[in-house]
Amino acid sequence: MTPRCETLTGAAISSAIEDLARLRTEVFRDWPYLYDGDPANESKYLRSYRNTPNAILIAAMDGDRVVGCATGMPLSHHQDARDLPLTDLGLRLEDVFYCAESVLLPEYRGRGLGHVFFDRREAHAKALGFKTALFCAVERPDSHPARPQNARSLAPFWKGRGYTPRDAFVRMHWTDLGDNGPSKKQLRVWTHDL
């Protein structure tokens, strides 16, 4: 059975923050993120969503259990917006809606929830008058020692939804599994005209 999805905005987002923190920590441990995260630190970072005007969180629910989440907010409210080369991309900050994380437990993948996550964020952004949806995805070399043999790119899915990989990157820092401290990662910018 496909989980049901609930769309949360405003103060209602608070009810899913702990679940989102848990899912980010669990899902982002896998390829390609390899993120050695801590749910407590994640919760602190994610609390900004409940105080951000026009933020959205879509929670995939299996019964009472949250098994996936996707978030978004006006890019102008995201802490990393200043690092994006928007002018080089022909974009204006006030026109861009940021589709942040999409995290889903492996056993729930392939059931159409990724489409629901994007459909709802894009509809929310359009209703607010945004012209472009944007997200960033980490890129690692195919030769990376932690890359699983069966690793599958999400690029065909994103392209099928109308997103275009841009020749623009953001650099972020986090600690990889097994490392002693943070290191720089490169994330490619993807955009879609709404």
N, C-alpha and C. Protein backbone atom coordinates (compact mmCIF):
# COMPACT_ATOMS: atom_id res chain seq x y z
N MET A 1 0.83 -1.18 0.00
CA MET A 1 0.00 0.00 0.00
C MET A 1 0.88 1.25 0.00
N THR A 2 0.50 2.22 -0.81
CA THR A 2 1.25 3.48 -0.87
C THR A 2 0.86 4.35 0.32
N PRO A 3 1.86 4.89 1.02
CA PRO A 3 1.55 5.78 2.15
C PRO A 3 0.76 7.00 1.69
N ARG A 4 0.00 7.57 2.60
CA ARG A 4 -0.71 8.81 2.31
C ARG A 4 0.26 9.97 2.58
N CYS A 5 0.03 11.08 1.93
CA CYS A 5 0.89 12.25 2.11
C CYS A 5 0.09 13.39 2.71
N GLU A 6 0.67 14.03 3.70
CA GLU A 6 0.06 15.19 4.34
C GLU A 6 0.92 16.41 4.04
N THR A 7 0.29 17.51 3.69
CA THR A 7 0.99 18.75 3.42
C THR A 7 0.86 19.65 4.64
N LEU A 8 2.00 20.08 5.15
CA LEU A 8 2.04 20.92 6.35
C LEU A 8 2.66 22.27 6.02
N THR A 9 2.09 23.32 6.57
CA THR A 9 2.63 24.66 6.43
C THR A 9 2.54 25.36 7.78
N GLY A 10 3.25 26.48 7.90
CA GLY A 10 3.18 27.27 9.13
C GLY A 10 3.55 26.48 10.37
N ALA A 11 2.82 26.74 11.45
CA ALA A 11 3.12 26.09 12.74
C ALA A 11 2.94 24.58 12.68
N ALA A 12 2.13 24.07 11.75
CA ALA A 12 1.92 22.62 11.64
C ALA A 12 3.19 21.88 11.29
N ILE A 13 4.16 22.57 10.68
CA ILE A 13 5.43 21.93 10.33
C ILE A 13 6.13 21.39 11.57
N SER A 14 5.95 22.06 12.70
CA SER A 14 6.62 21.64 13.94
C SER A 14 6.34 20.19 14.29
N SER A 15 5.15 19.70 13.95
CA SER A 15 4.78 18.34 14.32
C SER A 15 5.61 17.28 13.61
N ALA A 16 6.29 17.65 12.52
CA ALA A 16 7.07 16.67 11.76
C ALA A 16 8.58 16.90 11.81
N ILE A 17 9.03 17.92 12.53
CA ILE A 17 10.46 18.25 12.55
C ILE A 17 11.32 17.10 13.08
N GLU A 18 10.91 16.48 14.17
CA GLU A 18 11.72 15.38 14.73
C GLU A 18 11.79 14.21 13.76
N ASP A 19 10.67 13.91 13.10
CA ASP A 19 10.67 12.83 12.11
C ASP A 19 11.56 13.18 10.92
N LEU A 20 11.49 14.41 10.47
CA LEU A 20 12.34 14.84 9.36
C LEU A 20 13.81 14.74 9.75
N ALA A 21 14.15 15.15 10.96
CA ALA A 21 15.54 15.04 11.43
C ALA A 21 15.99 13.59 11.44
N ARG A 22 15.14 12.70 11.92
CA ARG A 22 15.47 11.26 11.94
C ARG A 22 15.68 10.74 10.53
N LEU A 23 14.78 11.09 9.63
CA LEU A 23 14.87 10.61 8.25
C LEU A 23 16.10 11.17 7.53
N ARG A 24 16.39 12.45 7.73
CA ARG A 24 17.59 13.03 7.11
C ARG A 24 18.84 12.29 7.58
N THR A 25 18.91 12.03 8.88
CA THR A 25 20.07 11.34 9.42
C THR A 25 20.19 9.93 8.85
N GLU A 26 19.07 9.25 8.73
CA GLU A 26 19.07 7.87 8.23
C GLU A 26 19.29 7.80 6.72
N VAL A 27 18.53 8.54 5.95
CA VAL A 27 18.59 8.45 4.49
C VAL A 27 19.88 9.04 3.94
N PHE A 28 20.33 10.15 4.49
CA PHE A 28 21.54 10.79 3.98
C PHE A 28 22.82 10.06 4.37
N ARG A 29 22.73 9.00 5.16
CA ARG A 29 23.90 8.16 5.43
C ARG A 29 24.30 7.37 4.18
N ASP A 30 23.33 7.15 3.32
CA ASP A 30 23.56 6.34 2.12
C ASP A 30 24.17 7.18 1.00
N TRP A 31 24.62 6.48 -0.03
CA TRP A 31 25.14 7.09 -1.24
C TRP A 31 24.08 7.99 -1.85
N PRO A 32 24.39 9.16 -2.35
CA PRO A 32 25.72 9.73 -2.51
C PRO A 32 26.12 10.71 -1.39
N TYR A 33 25.24 10.91 -0.39
CA TYR A 33 25.54 11.91 0.64
C TYR A 33 26.58 11.42 1.65
N LEU A 34 26.44 10.19 2.13
CA LEU A 34 27.39 9.61 3.09
C LEU A 34 27.53 10.48 4.33
N TYR A 35 26.43 11.08 4.74
CA TYR A 35 26.40 12.10 5.79
C TYR A 35 26.39 11.47 7.17
N ASP A 36 27.35 11.86 7.98
CA ASP A 36 27.43 11.39 9.36
C ASP A 36 26.71 12.42 10.24
N GLY A 37 25.39 12.36 10.21
CA GLY A 37 24.59 13.37 10.89
C GLY A 37 24.12 12.96 12.26
N ASP A 38 23.60 13.93 12.97
CA ASP A 38 23.12 13.75 14.33
C ASP A 38 21.69 14.32 14.40
N PRO A 39 20.70 13.50 14.80
CA PRO A 39 19.32 13.99 14.83
C PRO A 39 19.12 15.26 15.66
N ALA A 40 19.86 15.41 16.76
CA ALA A 40 19.69 16.61 17.59
C ALA A 40 20.12 17.86 16.83
N ASN A 41 21.26 17.79 16.15
CA ASN A 41 21.72 18.93 15.35
C ASN A 41 20.79 19.18 14.17
N GLU A 42 20.30 18.11 13.57
CA GLU A 42 19.36 18.25 12.46
C GLU A 42 18.10 18.99 12.91
N SER A 43 17.59 18.62 14.07
CA SER A 43 16.38 19.27 14.59
C SER A 43 16.57 20.76 14.75
N LYS A 44 17.74 21.16 15.25
CA LYS A 44 18.02 22.59 15.41
C LYS A 44 18.00 23.30 14.06
N TYR A 45 18.67 22.70 13.07
CA TYR A 45 18.73 23.28 11.73
C TYR A 45 17.33 23.38 11.12
N LEU A 46 16.53 22.35 11.30
CA LEU A 46 15.22 22.27 10.64
C LEU A 46 14.15 23.13 11.29
N ARG A 47 14.37 23.58 12.51
CA ARG A 47 13.37 24.41 13.18
C ARG A 47 13.08 25.70 12.43
N SER A 48 14.02 26.12 11.59
CA SER A 48 13.79 27.35 10.83
C SER A 48 12.58 27.23 9.91
N TYR A 49 12.22 26.01 9.52
CA TYR A 49 11.06 25.84 8.64
C TYR A 49 9.76 26.32 9.27
N ARG A 50 9.61 26.09 10.56
CA ARG A 50 8.33 26.47 11.19
C ARG A 50 8.19 27.99 11.29
N ASN A 51 9.31 28.70 11.24
CA ASN A 51 9.28 30.16 11.35
C ASN A 51 9.44 30.85 10.00
N THR A 52 9.50 30.08 8.93
CA THR A 52 9.72 30.65 7.61
C THR A 52 8.39 30.84 6.89
N PRO A 53 8.07 32.07 6.52
CA PRO A 53 6.82 32.29 5.78
C PRO A 53 6.82 31.49 4.48
N ASN A 54 5.70 30.85 4.21
CA ASN A 54 5.48 30.11 2.96
C ASN A 54 6.32 28.84 2.81
N ALA A 55 6.89 28.34 3.91
CA ALA A 55 7.58 27.05 3.86
C ALA A 55 6.54 25.93 3.79
N ILE A 56 6.97 24.78 3.29
CA ILE A 56 6.09 23.62 3.15
C ILE A 56 6.86 22.36 3.53
N LEU A 57 6.14 21.42 4.12
CA LEU A 57 6.68 20.10 4.42
C LEU A 57 5.62 19.08 4.02
N ILE A 58 6.00 18.14 3.18
CA ILE A 58 5.11 17.05 2.81
C ILE A 58 5.60 15.81 3.54
N ALA A 59 4.73 15.20 4.33
CA ALA A 59 5.08 14.01 5.11
C ALA A 59 4.37 12.80 4.52
N ALA A 60 5.14 11.77 4.17
CA ALA A 60 4.57 10.50 3.72
C ALA A 60 4.36 9.64 4.96
N MET A 61 3.12 9.18 5.15
CA MET A 61 2.73 8.48 6.37
C MET A 61 2.30 7.04 6.06
N ASP A 62 2.86 6.10 6.79
CA ASP A 62 2.39 4.72 6.77
C ASP A 62 1.74 4.50 8.13
N GLY A 63 0.43 4.60 8.18
CA GLY A 63 -0.26 4.62 9.46
C GLY A 63 0.10 5.90 10.17
N ASP A 64 0.63 5.78 11.39
CA ASP A 64 1.06 6.96 12.15
C ASP A 64 2.55 7.23 12.01
N ARG A 65 3.24 6.42 11.24
CA ARG A 65 4.70 6.53 11.10
C ARG A 65 5.07 7.37 9.88
N VAL A 66 5.93 8.37 10.09
CA VAL A 66 6.44 9.19 8.99
C VAL A 66 7.58 8.42 8.34
N VAL A 67 7.42 8.11 7.04
CA VAL A 67 8.41 7.30 6.32
C VAL A 67 9.14 8.10 5.24
N GLY A 68 8.72 9.34 5.05
CA GLY A 68 9.38 10.20 4.08
C GLY A 68 8.93 11.63 4.25
N CYS A 69 9.77 12.55 3.82
CA CYS A 69 9.45 13.98 3.89
C CYS A 69 10.10 14.71 2.73
N ALA A 70 9.48 15.78 2.34
CA ALA A 70 10.07 16.73 1.39
C ALA A 70 9.75 18.12 1.90
N THR A 71 10.68 19.03 1.69
CA THR A 71 10.49 20.40 2.18
C THR A 71 10.78 21.41 1.08
N GLY A 72 10.30 22.61 1.30
CA GLY A 72 10.59 23.71 0.40
C GLY A 72 10.31 25.03 1.07
N MET A 73 10.89 26.08 0.53
CA MET A 73 10.69 27.43 1.05
C MET A 73 11.12 28.44 -0.01
N PRO A 74 10.65 29.68 0.11
CA PRO A 74 11.19 30.70 -0.77
C PRO A 74 12.71 30.76 -0.60
N LEU A 75 13.42 30.76 -1.71
CA LEU A 75 14.88 30.74 -1.63
C LEU A 75 15.40 31.93 -0.83
N SER A 76 14.71 33.04 -0.88
CA SER A 76 15.16 34.23 -0.16
C SER A 76 15.24 34.01 1.35
N HIS A 77 14.57 32.97 1.86
CA HIS A 77 14.59 32.69 3.29
C HIS A 77 15.59 31.60 3.67
N HIS A 78 16.25 31.00 2.69
CA HIS A 78 17.17 29.90 3.00
C HIS A 78 18.55 30.45 3.33
N GLN A 79 19.18 29.86 4.34
CA GLN A 79 20.46 30.37 4.82
C GLN A 79 21.57 30.29 3.78
N ASP A 80 21.47 29.40 2.80
CA ASP A 80 22.53 29.24 1.81
C ASP A 80 22.25 29.99 0.51
N ALA A 81 21.20 30.81 0.47
CA ALA A 81 20.82 31.50 -0.77
C ALA A 81 21.94 32.39 -1.29
N ARG A 82 22.69 33.00 -0.40
CA ARG A 82 23.74 33.92 -0.83
C ARG A 82 24.85 33.21 -1.60
N ASP A 83 24.96 31.88 -1.44
CA ASP A 83 26.01 31.13 -2.12
C ASP A 83 25.64 30.71 -3.53
N LEU A 84 24.41 30.91 -3.92
CA LEU A 84 23.97 30.48 -5.25
C LEU A 84 24.26 31.55 -6.30
N PRO A 85 24.79 31.15 -7.45
CA PRO A 85 25.12 32.11 -8.52
C PRO A 85 23.89 32.47 -9.35
N LEU A 86 22.89 33.05 -8.73
CA LEU A 86 21.62 33.29 -9.41
C LEU A 86 21.74 34.21 -10.61
N THR A 87 22.52 35.27 -10.48
CA THR A 87 22.67 36.21 -11.59
C THR A 87 23.25 35.50 -12.80
N ASP A 88 24.24 34.64 -12.58
CA ASP A 88 24.84 33.88 -13.68
C ASP A 88 23.81 32.97 -14.36
N LEU A 89 22.79 32.57 -13.63
CA LEU A 89 21.76 31.69 -14.17
C LEU A 89 20.57 32.47 -14.75
N GLY A 90 20.64 33.79 -14.68
CA GLY A 90 19.54 34.60 -15.18
C GLY A 90 18.32 34.57 -14.27
N LEU A 91 18.54 34.33 -12.98
CA LEU A 91 17.44 34.22 -12.03
C LEU A 91 17.47 35.36 -11.03
N ARG A 92 16.28 35.71 -10.53
CA ARG A 92 16.17 36.70 -9.46
C ARG A 92 15.74 35.98 -8.19
N LEU A 93 16.38 36.30 -7.10
CA LEU A 93 16.14 35.64 -5.82
C LEU A 93 14.65 35.58 -5.48
N GLU A 94 13.95 36.67 -5.68
CA GLU A 94 12.54 36.74 -5.28
C GLU A 94 11.62 35.88 -6.16
N ASP A 95 12.14 35.34 -7.26
CA ASP A 95 11.34 34.50 -8.16
C ASP A 95 11.54 33.01 -7.94
N VAL A 96 12.45 32.64 -7.03
CA VAL A 96 12.87 31.24 -6.93
C VAL A 96 12.35 30.58 -5.65
N PHE A 97 11.76 29.41 -5.83
CA PHE A 97 11.32 28.57 -4.72
C PHE A 97 12.30 27.41 -4.60
N TYR A 98 12.80 27.21 -3.39
CA TYR A 98 13.83 26.20 -3.15
C TYR A 98 13.19 24.90 -2.69
N CYS A 99 13.36 23.85 -3.48
CA CYS A 99 12.93 22.51 -3.09
C CYS A 99 14.12 21.88 -2.36
N ALA A 100 14.03 21.83 -1.07
CA ALA A 100 15.15 21.36 -0.25
C ALA A 100 15.19 19.84 -0.26
N GLU A 101 15.20 19.23 0.90
CA GLU A 101 15.38 17.78 0.95
C GLU A 101 14.14 17.00 0.54
N SER A 102 14.40 15.84 -0.05
CA SER A 102 13.40 14.80 -0.26
C SER A 102 14.04 13.54 0.31
N VAL A 103 13.48 13.03 1.39
CA VAL A 103 14.03 11.84 2.03
C VAL A 103 12.92 10.81 2.18
N LEU A 104 13.23 9.58 1.78
CA LEU A 104 12.24 8.52 1.79
C LEU A 104 12.94 7.21 2.10
N LEU A 105 12.40 6.46 3.06
CA LEU A 105 13.00 5.18 3.41
C LEU A 105 13.01 4.26 2.19
N PRO A 106 14.07 3.47 2.03
CA PRO A 106 14.23 2.65 0.81
C PRO A 106 13.04 1.76 0.49
N GLU A 107 12.41 1.17 1.48
CA GLU A 107 11.31 0.24 1.23
C GLU A 107 10.05 0.92 0.69
N TYR A 108 10.04 2.26 0.66
CA TYR A 108 8.88 2.99 0.15
C TYR A 108 9.16 3.65 -1.20
N ARG A 109 10.33 3.44 -1.74
CA ARG A 109 10.69 4.03 -3.03
C ARG A 109 10.03 3.25 -4.17
N GLY A 110 9.86 3.93 -5.29
CA GLY A 110 9.26 3.28 -6.46
C GLY A 110 7.75 3.21 -6.42
N ARG A 111 7.12 3.97 -5.54
CA ARG A 111 5.66 3.96 -5.41
C ARG A 111 5.02 5.29 -5.81
N GLY A 112 5.80 6.16 -6.43
CA GLY A 112 5.25 7.43 -6.90
C GLY A 112 5.34 8.56 -5.90
N LEU A 113 5.93 8.32 -4.73
CA LEU A 113 5.98 9.37 -3.71
C LEU A 113 6.91 10.52 -4.11
N GLY A 114 7.97 10.23 -4.85
CA GLY A 114 8.85 11.29 -5.33
C GLY A 114 8.08 12.29 -6.19
N HIS A 115 7.17 11.77 -7.03
CA HIS A 115 6.34 12.66 -7.85
C HIS A 115 5.39 13.48 -6.98
N VAL A 116 4.81 12.85 -5.97
CA VAL A 116 3.92 13.58 -5.06
C VAL A 116 4.70 14.70 -4.38
N PHE A 117 5.91 14.39 -3.91
CA PHE A 117 6.73 15.40 -3.24
C PHE A 117 6.94 16.61 -4.15
N PHE A 118 7.34 16.37 -5.40
CA PHE A 118 7.58 17.48 -6.32
C PHE A 118 6.27 18.16 -6.73
N ASP A 119 5.23 17.38 -7.02
CA ASP A 119 3.94 17.97 -7.42
C ASP A 119 3.45 18.97 -6.37
N ARG A 120 3.51 18.58 -5.12
CA ARG A 120 2.96 19.45 -4.07
C ARG A 120 3.82 20.68 -3.83
N ARG A 121 5.14 20.51 -3.87
CA ARG A 121 6.01 21.68 -3.70
C ARG A 121 5.83 22.65 -4.87
N GLU A 122 5.78 22.11 -6.09
CA GLU A 122 5.63 22.98 -7.26
C GLU A 122 4.27 23.69 -7.25
N ALA A 123 3.21 22.99 -6.89
CA ALA A 123 1.88 23.62 -6.81
C ALA A 123 1.88 24.73 -5.76
N HIS A 124 2.51 24.48 -4.63
CA HIS A 124 2.62 25.48 -3.56
C HIS A 124 3.38 26.71 -4.08
N ALA A 125 4.50 26.47 -4.75
CA ALA A 125 5.31 27.57 -5.28
C ALA A 125 4.55 28.37 -6.33
N LYS A 126 3.86 27.68 -7.22
CA LYS A 126 3.06 28.37 -8.26
C LYS A 126 1.97 29.23 -7.63
N ALA A 127 1.30 28.68 -6.63
CA ALA A 127 0.22 29.42 -5.97
C ALA A 127 0.74 30.69 -5.31
N LEU A 128 2.00 30.67 -4.91
CA LEU A 128 2.61 31.84 -4.28
C LEU A 128 3.20 32.81 -5.31
N GLY A 129 3.17 32.44 -6.59
CA GLY A 129 3.65 33.33 -7.64
C GLY A 129 5.11 33.16 -8.01
N PHE A 130 5.76 32.11 -7.55
CA PHE A 130 7.16 31.88 -7.92
C PHE A 130 7.25 31.42 -9.37
N LYS A 131 8.36 31.76 -10.02
CA LYS A 131 8.54 31.45 -11.44
C LYS A 131 9.46 30.26 -11.68
N THR A 132 10.31 29.95 -10.70
CA THR A 132 11.31 28.90 -10.88
C THR A 132 11.40 28.06 -9.62
N ALA A 133 11.52 26.74 -9.81
CA ALA A 133 11.83 25.83 -8.71
C ALA A 133 13.30 25.44 -8.86
N LEU A 134 13.99 25.31 -7.75
CA LEU A 134 15.42 25.03 -7.76
C LEU A 134 15.74 24.04 -6.65
N PHE A 135 16.65 23.12 -6.93
CA PHE A 135 17.22 22.29 -5.88
C PHE A 135 18.68 22.06 -6.20
N CYS A 136 19.42 21.53 -5.24
CA CYS A 136 20.83 21.21 -5.41
C CYS A 136 21.05 19.74 -5.06
N ALA A 137 21.88 19.07 -5.85
CA ALA A 137 22.14 17.65 -5.63
C ALA A 137 23.65 17.41 -5.60
N VAL A 138 24.09 16.66 -4.59
CA VAL A 138 25.51 16.38 -4.45
C VAL A 138 25.99 15.55 -5.64
N GLU A 139 27.22 15.84 -6.07
CA GLU A 139 27.85 15.07 -7.13
C GLU A 139 29.14 14.48 -6.59
N ARG A 140 29.28 13.19 -6.79
CA ARG A 140 30.51 12.50 -6.41
C ARG A 140 30.99 11.72 -7.63
N PRO A 141 32.31 11.51 -7.72
CA PRO A 141 32.82 10.78 -8.89
C PRO A 141 32.38 9.32 -8.89
N ASP A 142 32.20 8.76 -10.09
CA ASP A 142 31.85 7.35 -10.21
C ASP A 142 32.91 6.45 -9.58
N SER A 143 34.13 6.96 -9.49
CA SER A 143 35.23 6.18 -8.93
C SER A 143 35.32 6.26 -7.40
N HIS A 144 34.39 6.96 -6.77
CA HIS A 144 34.43 7.12 -5.30
C HIS A 144 34.40 5.74 -4.65
N PRO A 145 35.28 5.49 -3.68
CA PRO A 145 35.36 4.15 -3.07
C PRO A 145 34.09 3.69 -2.35
N ALA A 146 33.24 4.62 -1.95
CA ALA A 146 32.01 4.23 -1.24
C ALA A 146 30.81 4.07 -2.18
N ARG A 147 31.03 4.26 -3.48
CA ARG A 147 29.92 4.15 -4.44
C ARG A 147 29.50 2.69 -4.57
N PRO A 148 28.24 2.37 -4.28
CA PRO A 148 27.78 0.99 -4.45
C PRO A 148 27.75 0.60 -5.93
N GLN A 149 27.95 -0.67 -6.20
CA GLN A 149 27.92 -1.14 -7.59
C GLN A 149 26.56 -0.91 -8.24
N ASN A 150 25.51 -0.97 -7.45
CA ASN A 150 24.16 -0.81 -7.99
C ASN A 150 23.63 0.62 -7.84
N ALA A 151 24.53 1.59 -7.62
CA ALA A 151 24.10 2.98 -7.46
C ALA A 151 23.36 3.44 -8.70
N ARG A 152 22.27 4.15 -8.47
CA ARG A 152 21.42 4.62 -9.57
C ARG A 152 21.26 6.13 -9.46
N SER A 153 21.46 6.80 -10.56
CA SER A 153 21.32 8.25 -10.60
C SER A 153 19.84 8.63 -10.63
N LEU A 154 19.51 9.72 -9.95
CA LEU A 154 18.15 10.26 -10.00
C LEU A 154 17.98 11.27 -11.13
N ALA A 155 19.05 11.53 -11.88
CA ALA A 155 18.98 12.51 -12.97
C ALA A 155 17.87 12.21 -13.97
N PRO A 156 17.65 10.96 -14.40
CA PRO A 156 16.54 10.71 -15.34
C PRO A 156 15.17 11.08 -14.75
N PHE A 157 14.98 10.83 -13.47
CA PHE A 157 13.73 11.20 -12.81
C PHE A 157 13.56 12.72 -12.83
N TRP A 158 14.60 13.44 -12.41
CA TRP A 158 14.52 14.89 -12.36
C TRP A 158 14.31 15.49 -13.74
N LYS A 159 15.04 14.98 -14.74
CA LYS A 159 14.87 15.49 -16.11
C LYS A 159 13.46 15.20 -16.61
N GLY A 160 12.92 14.04 -16.27
CA GLY A 160 11.56 13.69 -16.66
C GLY A 160 10.51 14.63 -16.07
N ARG A 161 10.84 15.26 -14.98
CA ARG A 161 9.94 16.23 -14.35
C ARG A 161 10.17 17.64 -14.88
N GLY A 162 11.11 17.79 -15.82
CA GLY A 162 11.34 19.10 -16.43
C GLY A 162 12.47 19.89 -15.81
N TYR A 163 13.24 19.29 -14.91
CA TYR A 163 14.37 19.99 -14.31
C TYR A 163 15.59 19.88 -15.21
N THR A 164 16.38 20.95 -15.21
CA THR A 164 17.59 21.02 -16.04
C THR A 164 18.80 21.17 -15.13
N PRO A 165 19.83 20.31 -15.34
CA PRO A 165 21.07 20.51 -14.58
C PRO A 165 21.78 21.74 -15.14
N ARG A 166 22.15 22.63 -14.27
CA ARG A 166 22.79 23.87 -14.70
C ARG A 166 24.29 23.78 -14.47
N ASP A 167 25.01 24.60 -15.18
CA ASP A 167 26.46 24.64 -15.01
C ASP A 167 26.78 25.61 -13.87
N ALA A 168 26.26 25.25 -12.71
CA ALA A 168 26.43 26.08 -11.51
C ALA A 168 26.45 25.15 -10.30
N PHE A 169 27.28 25.51 -9.34
CA PHE A 169 27.48 24.64 -8.19
C PHE A 169 27.48 25.44 -6.90
N VAL A 170 27.13 24.74 -5.84
CA VAL A 170 27.21 25.27 -4.48
C VAL A 170 28.17 24.35 -3.74
N ARG A 171 28.95 24.93 -2.87
CA ARG A 171 29.84 24.11 -2.04
C ARG A 171 29.31 24.12 -0.62
N MET A 172 29.21 22.92 -0.05
CA MET A 172 28.75 22.77 1.32
C MET A 172 29.73 21.86 2.05
N HIS A 173 29.69 21.95 3.36
CA HIS A 173 30.59 21.13 4.18
C HIS A 173 29.77 20.24 5.11
N TRP A 174 30.14 18.97 5.19
CA TRP A 174 29.60 18.06 6.20
C TRP A 174 30.60 16.94 6.39
N THR A 175 30.41 16.19 7.47
CA THR A 175 31.30 15.08 7.78
C THR A 175 30.78 13.81 7.13
N ASP A 176 31.64 13.19 6.32
CA ASP A 176 31.30 11.90 5.72
C ASP A 176 31.45 10.80 6.76
N LEU A 177 30.72 9.72 6.56
CA LEU A 177 30.86 8.55 7.42
C LEU A 177 32.32 8.12 7.46
N GLY A 178 32.83 7.90 8.66
CA GLY A 178 34.20 7.45 8.82
C GLY A 178 35.24 8.55 8.86
N ASP A 179 34.86 9.79 8.57
CA ASP A 179 35.80 10.91 8.61
C ASP A 179 35.79 11.55 9.99
N ASN A 180 36.85 12.30 10.28
CA ASN A 180 36.97 12.96 11.58
C ASN A 180 36.36 14.36 11.62
N GLY A 181 36.11 14.92 10.46
CA GLY A 181 35.57 16.27 10.42
C GLY A 181 34.98 16.58 9.07
N PRO A 182 34.39 17.77 8.95
CA PRO A 182 33.73 18.14 7.70
C PRO A 182 34.71 18.31 6.54
N SER A 183 34.22 18.07 5.35
CA SER A 183 34.97 18.33 4.12
C SER A 183 34.02 18.96 3.11
N LYS A 184 34.60 19.61 2.12
CA LYS A 184 33.81 20.35 1.13
C LYS A 184 33.19 19.38 0.13
N LYS A 185 31.92 19.63 -0.20
CA LYS A 185 31.19 18.85 -1.20
C LYS A 185 30.68 19.80 -2.28
N GLN A 186 30.53 19.28 -3.47
CA GLN A 186 30.01 20.06 -4.59
C GLN A 186 28.60 19.59 -4.91
N LEU A 187 27.67 20.54 -4.97
CA LEU A 187 26.28 20.24 -5.31
C LEU A 187 25.90 21.01 -6.57
N ARG A 188 25.34 20.29 -7.53
CA ARG A 188 24.91 20.92 -8.78
C ARG A 188 23.52 21.54 -8.60
N VAL A 189 23.33 22.69 -9.21
CA VAL A 189 22.05 23.38 -9.21
C VAL A 189 21.19 22.83 -10.36
N TRP A 190 19.94 22.51 -10.04
CA TRP A 190 18.93 22.09 -11.03
C TRP A 190 17.77 23.08 -10.95
N THR A 191 17.22 23.47 -12.11
CA THR A 191 16.10 24.41 -12.12
C THR A 191 14.98 23.92 -13.04
N HIS A 192 13.80 24.45 -12.77
CA HIS A 192 12.60 24.13 -13.56
C HIS A 192 11.71 25.36 -13.60
N ASP A 193 11.34 25.78 -14.79
CA ASP A 193 10.41 26.91 -14.93
C ASP A 193 9.01 26.46 -14.54
N LEU A 194 8.39 27.21 -13.65
CA LEU A 194 7.04 26.88 -13.20
C LEU A 194 6.00 27.51 -14.10
